Amino acid sequence: MKKVFMFTDGACSGNPGPGGWGTILRYGDAEKELSGGEAQTTNNRMELLAVINGLAALKEPCEVTIQSDSRYVVDGIEKGWARSWKRNGWRKADKKPALNADLWEKLLTLLDIHAVNFIWIKGHAGHPENERCDQLAVAQSMQHK
């Protein structure tokens, strides 16, 4: 499998409000930037879409290391919350509906295709790729105001 590095970030002006996401894909010396946004969304949806769109852009199954500053996304997968919510009909342990079930469903489907490892990184701490993803995300959120 090809080894791909992915860096992601989401941004929202207000929560909910206009939002954007940014992703960098790196394979060897090749790098690709992706971004998008929505007029009315939440930060967590943008964080999820950054990962989903990055994985969806891969043309074959890959070994992917994803660096994200979103505890929501990283913990949702690494701690098994999303798969548990799905097993329970998209309900959390407290029986309340899991938020963003539509996006979690898409992400779980993509995770079944690729071998993915998530790494949480501190946001706004000078990590070059995270800072660039933030710039992409903020620019998209501004376009959707």
C-alpha atoms as a PDB file:
ATOM      1  CA  MET A   1       0.000   0.000   0.000  1.00  0.00           C
ATOM      2  CA  LYS A   2       1.098   3.540  -0.719  1.00  0.00           C
ATOM      3  CA  LYS A   3       1.906   5.580   2.388  1.00  0.00           C
ATOM      4  CA  VAL A   4       0.088   8.900   2.438  1.00  0.00           C
ATOM      5  CA  PHE A   5       0.276  11.676   5.012  1.00  0.00           C
ATOM      6  CA  MET A   6      -2.802  13.829   5.521  1.00  0.00           C
ATOM      7  CA  PHE A   7      -3.156  17.046   7.473  1.00  0.00           C
ATOM      8  CA  THR A   8      -6.604  18.507   8.160  1.00  0.00           C
ATOM      9  CA  ASP A   9      -8.373  21.412   9.803  1.00  0.00           C
ATOM     10  CA  GLY A  10     -11.837  22.908   9.985  1.00  0.00           C
ATOM     11  CA  ALA A  11     -12.990  26.426  10.800  1.00  0.00           C
ATOM     12  CA  CYS A  12     -16.281  28.097  11.532  1.00  0.00           C
ATOM     13  CA  SER A  13     -17.172  31.779  11.978  1.00  0.00           C
ATOM     14  CA  GLY A  14     -19.788  31.357  14.656  1.00  0.00           C
ATOM     15  CA  ASN A  15     -20.860  27.867  15.606  1.00  0.00           C
ATOM     16  CA  PRO A  16     -23.088  27.385  13.671  1.00  0.00           C
ATOM     17  CA  GLY A  17     -22.152  29.789  10.911  1.00  0.00           C
ATOM     18  CA  PRO A  18     -20.142  29.942   7.708  1.00  0.00           C
ATOM     19  CA  GLY A  19     -17.418  27.331   7.764  1.00  0.00           C
ATOM     20  CA  GLY A  20     -14.578  25.831   5.807  1.00  0.00           C
ATOM     21  CA  TRP A  21     -12.207  22.894   5.793  1.00  0.00           C
ATOM     22  CA  GLY A  22      -8.701  22.377   4.491  1.00  0.00           C
ATOM     23  CA  THR A  23      -6.716  19.237   3.762  1.00  0.00           C
ATOM     24  CA  ILE A  24      -3.179  18.559   2.586  1.00  0.00           C
ATOM     25  CA  LEU A  25      -2.374  15.166   1.071  1.00  0.00           C
ATOM     26  CA  ARG A  26       1.279  14.177   0.759  1.00  0.00           C
ATOM     27  CA  TYR A  27       2.652  11.140  -1.062  1.00  0.00           C
ATOM     28  CA  GLY A  28       6.431  11.171  -1.440  1.00  0.00           C
ATOM     29  CA  ASP A  29       7.343  14.542  -2.955  1.00  0.00           C
ATOM     30  CA  ALA A  30       3.826  15.139  -4.315  1.00  0.00           C
ATOM     31  CA  GLU A  31       1.432  17.341  -2.388  1.00  0.00           C
ATOM     32  CA  LYS A  32      -2.178  18.305  -3.026  1.00  0.00           C
ATOM     33  CA  GLU A  33      -4.326  20.857  -1.215  1.00  0.00           C
ATOM     34  CA  LEU A  34      -8.102  20.487  -0.981  1.00  0.00           C
ATOM     35  CA  SER A  35     -10.653  22.798   0.592  1.00  0.00           C
ATOM     36  CA  GLY A  36     -14.339  23.565   0.703  1.00  0.00           C
ATOM     37  CA  GLY A  37     -16.986  25.150   2.837  1.00  0.00           C
ATOM     38  CA  GLU A  38     -20.630  25.742   3.625  1.00  0.00           C
ATOM     39  CA  ALA A  39     -22.711  28.794   4.459  1.00  0.00           C
ATOM     40  CA  GLN A  40     -24.352  27.310   7.568  1.00  0.00           C
ATOM     41  CA  THR A  41     -22.464  24.608   9.442  1.00  0.00           C
ATOM     42  CA  THR A  42     -20.508  23.781  12.597  1.00  0.00           C
ATOM     43  CA  ASN A  43     -16.822  23.455  13.350  1.00  0.00           C
ATOM     44  CA  ASN A  44     -17.149  19.721  14.029  1.00  0.00           C
ATOM     45  CA  ARG A  45     -18.804  19.142  10.645  1.00  0.00           C
ATOM     46  CA  MET A  46     -15.954  20.985   8.956  1.00  0.00           C
ATOM     47  CA  GLU A  47     -13.359  18.924  10.844  1.00  0.00           C
ATOM     48  CA  LEU A  48     -15.093  15.731   9.703  1.00  0.00           C
ATOM     49  CA  LEU A  49     -15.395  16.912   6.094  1.00  0.00           C
ATOM     50  CA  ALA A  50     -11.681  17.717   5.961  1.00  0.00           C
ATOM     51  CA  VAL A  51     -10.882  14.067   6.737  1.00  0.00           C
ATOM     52  CA  ILE A  52     -13.692  12.635   4.588  1.00  0.00           C
ATOM     53  CA  ASN A  53     -12.736  14.643   1.509  1.00  0.00           C
ATOM     54  CA  GLY A  54      -9.065  13.830   1.922  1.00  0.00           C
ATOM     55  CA  LEU A  55      -9.721  10.096   2.123  1.00  0.00           C
ATOM     56  CA  ALA A  56     -12.269  10.243  -0.715  1.00  0.00           C
ATOM     57  CA  ALA A  57      -9.643  11.858  -2.965  1.00  0.00           C
ATOM     58  CA  LEU A  58      -7.405   8.772  -2.754  1.00  0.00           C
ATOM     59  CA  LYS A  59      -7.736   6.640  -5.884  1.00  0.00           C
ATOM     60  CA  GLU A  60      -6.758   3.317  -4.263  1.00  0.00           C
ATOM     61  CA  PRO A  61      -6.506   1.836  -0.768  1.00  0.00           C
ATOM     62  CA  CYS A  62      -3.613   3.478   1.076  1.00  0.00           C
ATOM     63  CA  GLU A  63      -1.890   3.485   4.433  1.00  0.00           C
ATOM     64  CA  VAL A  64      -2.786   6.942   5.723  1.00  0.00           C
ATOM     65  CA  THR A  65      -1.453   8.881   8.694  1.00  0.00           C
ATOM     66  CA  ILE A  66      -3.844  11.709   9.510  1.00  0.00           C
ATOM     67  CA  GLN A  67      -2.776  14.608  11.692  1.00  0.00           C
ATOM     68  CA  SER A  68      -5.697  16.629  13.032  1.00  0.00           C
ATOM     69  CA  ASP A  69      -6.166  19.141  15.825  1.00  0.00           C
ATOM     70  CA  SER A  70      -9.745  17.929  16.336  1.00  0.00           C
ATOM     71  CA  ARG A  71     -10.206  15.852  19.477  1.00  0.00           C
ATOM     72  CA  TYR A  72     -13.773  15.263  18.291  1.00  0.00           C
ATOM     73  CA  VAL A  73     -12.606  13.463  15.150  1.00  0.00           C
ATOM     74  CA  VAL A  74      -9.502  11.766  16.555  1.00  0.00           C
ATOM     75  CA  ASP A  75     -11.173  10.539  19.742  1.00  0.00           C
ATOM     76  CA  GLY A  76     -14.361   9.633  17.877  1.00  0.00           C
ATOM     77  CA  ILE A  77     -12.369   7.095  15.887  1.00  0.00           C
ATOM     78  CA  GLU A  78      -9.450   6.147  18.128  1.00  0.00           C
ATOM     79  CA  LYS A  79     -11.621   5.635  21.219  1.00  0.00           C
ATOM     80  CA  GLY A  80     -14.208   3.707  19.211  1.00  0.00           C
ATOM     81  CA  TRP A  81     -17.053   6.124  19.881  1.00  0.00           C
ATOM     82  CA  ALA A  82     -18.233   6.393  16.261  1.00  0.00           C
ATOM     83  CA  ARG A  83     -18.435   2.637  15.729  1.00  0.00           C
ATOM     84  CA  SER A  84     -20.267   2.295  19.047  1.00  0.00           C
ATOM     85  CA  TRP A  85     -22.750   5.023  18.073  1.00  0.00           C
ATOM     86  CA  LYS A  86     -23.360   3.240  14.776  1.00  0.00           C
ATOM     87  CA  ARG A  87     -23.930  -0.120  16.521  1.00  0.00           C
ATOM     88  CA  ASN A  88     -26.448   1.612  18.791  1.00  0.00           C
ATOM     89  CA  GLY A  89     -28.443   3.158  15.945  1.00  0.00           C
ATOM     90  CA  TRP A  90     -26.509   6.439  16.119  1.00  0.00           C
ATOM     91  CA  ARG A  91     -27.245   6.871  19.790  1.00  0.00           C
ATOM     92  CA  LYS A  92     -24.665   7.733  22.420  1.00  0.00           C
ATOM     93  CA  ALA A  93     -24.317   5.945  25.746  1.00  0.00           C
ATOM     94  CA  ASP A  94     -26.749   8.448  27.301  1.00  0.00           C
ATOM     95  CA  LYS A  95     -29.303   7.430  24.590  1.00  0.00           C
ATOM     96  CA  LYS A  96     -29.169  10.903  23.018  1.00  0.00           C
ATOM     97  CA  PRO A  97     -28.685  11.042  19.239  1.00  0.00           C
ATOM     98  CA  ALA A  98     -25.075  11.198  18.066  1.00  0.00           C
ATOM     99  CA  LEU A  99     -24.448  14.442  16.210  1.00  0.00           C
ATOM    100  CA  ASN A 100     -23.265  14.394  12.596  1.00  0.00           C
ATOM    101  CA  ALA A 101     -24.243  10.750  12.073  1.00  0.00           C
ATOM    102  CA  ASP A 102     -24.350  11.310   8.298  1.00  0.00           C
ATOM    103  CA  LEU A 103     -20.692  12.335   8.227  1.00  0.00           C
ATOM    104  CA  TRP A 104     -19.544   9.698  10.712  1.00  0.00           C
ATOM    105  CA  GLU A 105     -21.196   7.100   8.476  1.00  0.00           C
ATOM    106  CA  LYS A 106     -19.235   8.362   5.455  1.00  0.00           C
ATOM    107  CA  LEU A 107     -16.000   8.425   7.447  1.00  0.00           C
ATOM    108  CA  LEU A 108     -16.455   4.880   8.765  1.00  0.00           C
ATOM    109  CA  THR A 109     -17.054   3.638   5.203  1.00  0.00           C
ATOM    110  CA  LEU A 110     -13.794   5.262   4.052  1.00  0.00           C
ATOM    111  CA  LEU A 111     -11.914   3.845   7.042  1.00  0.00           C
ATOM    112  CA  ASP A 112     -12.921   0.361   5.882  1.00  0.00           C
ATOM    113  CA  ILE A 113     -11.076   1.021   2.592  1.00  0.00           C
ATOM    114  CA  HIS A 114      -7.846   2.519   3.931  1.00  0.00           C
ATOM    115  CA  ALA A 115      -5.454   1.602   6.751  1.00  0.00           C
ATOM    116  CA  VAL A 116      -5.660   4.796   8.805  1.00  0.00           C
ATOM    117  CA  ASN A 117      -3.763   6.022  11.839  1.00  0.00           C
ATOM    118  CA  PHE A 118      -4.890   9.246  13.531  1.00  0.00           C
ATOM    119  CA  ILE A 119      -2.510  11.543  15.364  1.00  0.00           C
ATOM    120  CA  TRP A 120      -3.824  14.467  17.399  1.00  0.00           C
ATOM    121  CA  ILE A 121      -1.768  17.637  17.216  1.00  0.00           C
ATOM    122  CA  LYS A 122      -2.211  20.897  19.097  1.00  0.00           C
ATOM    123  CA  GLY A 123      -3.870  23.518  16.920  1.00  0.00           C
ATOM    124  CA  HIS A 124      -2.441  26.999  16.374  1.00  0.00           C
ATOM    125  CA  ALA A 125       0.906  25.868  17.754  1.00  0.00           C
ATOM    126  CA  GLY A 126       3.095  26.570  14.725  1.00  0.00           C
ATOM    127  CA  HIS A 127       2.734  23.169  13.026  1.00  0.00           C
ATOM    128  CA  PRO A 128       3.313  24.237   9.369  1.00  0.00           C
ATOM    129  CA  GLU A 129       0.802  21.908   7.730  1.00  0.00           C
ATOM    130  CA  ASN A 130      -1.852  22.535  10.379  1.00  0.00           C
ATOM    131  CA  GLU A 131      -1.375  26.284   9.963  1.00  0.00           C
ATOM    132  CA  ARG A 132      -1.742  25.950   6.175  1.00  0.00           C
ATOM    133  CA  CYS A 133      -4.905  23.840   6.557  1.00  0.00           C
ATOM    134  CA  ASP A 134      -6.278  26.504   8.897  1.00  0.00           C
ATOM    135  CA  GLN A 135      -5.587  29.170   6.250  1.00  0.00           C
ATOM    136  CA  LEU A 136      -7.422  27.101   3.632  1.00  0.00           C
ATOM    137  CA  ALA A 137     -10.368  26.510   5.989  1.00  0.00           C
ATOM    138  CA  VAL A 138     -10.664  30.154   7.065  1.00  0.00           C
ATOM    139  CA  ALA A 139     -10.489  31.348   3.447  1.00  0.00           C
ATOM    140  CA  GLN A 140     -13.373  29.019   2.567  1.00  0.00           C
ATOM    141  CA  SER A 141     -15.421  30.152   5.552  1.00  0.00           C
ATOM    142  CA  MET A 142     -14.963  33.771   4.429  1.00  0.00           C
ATOM    143  CA  GLN A 143     -16.222  32.903   0.938  1.00  0.00           C
ATOM    144  CA  HIS A 144     -19.405  31.460   2.448  1.00  0.00           C
ATOM    145  CA  LYS A 145     -20.328  34.505   4.575  1.00  0.00           C
END
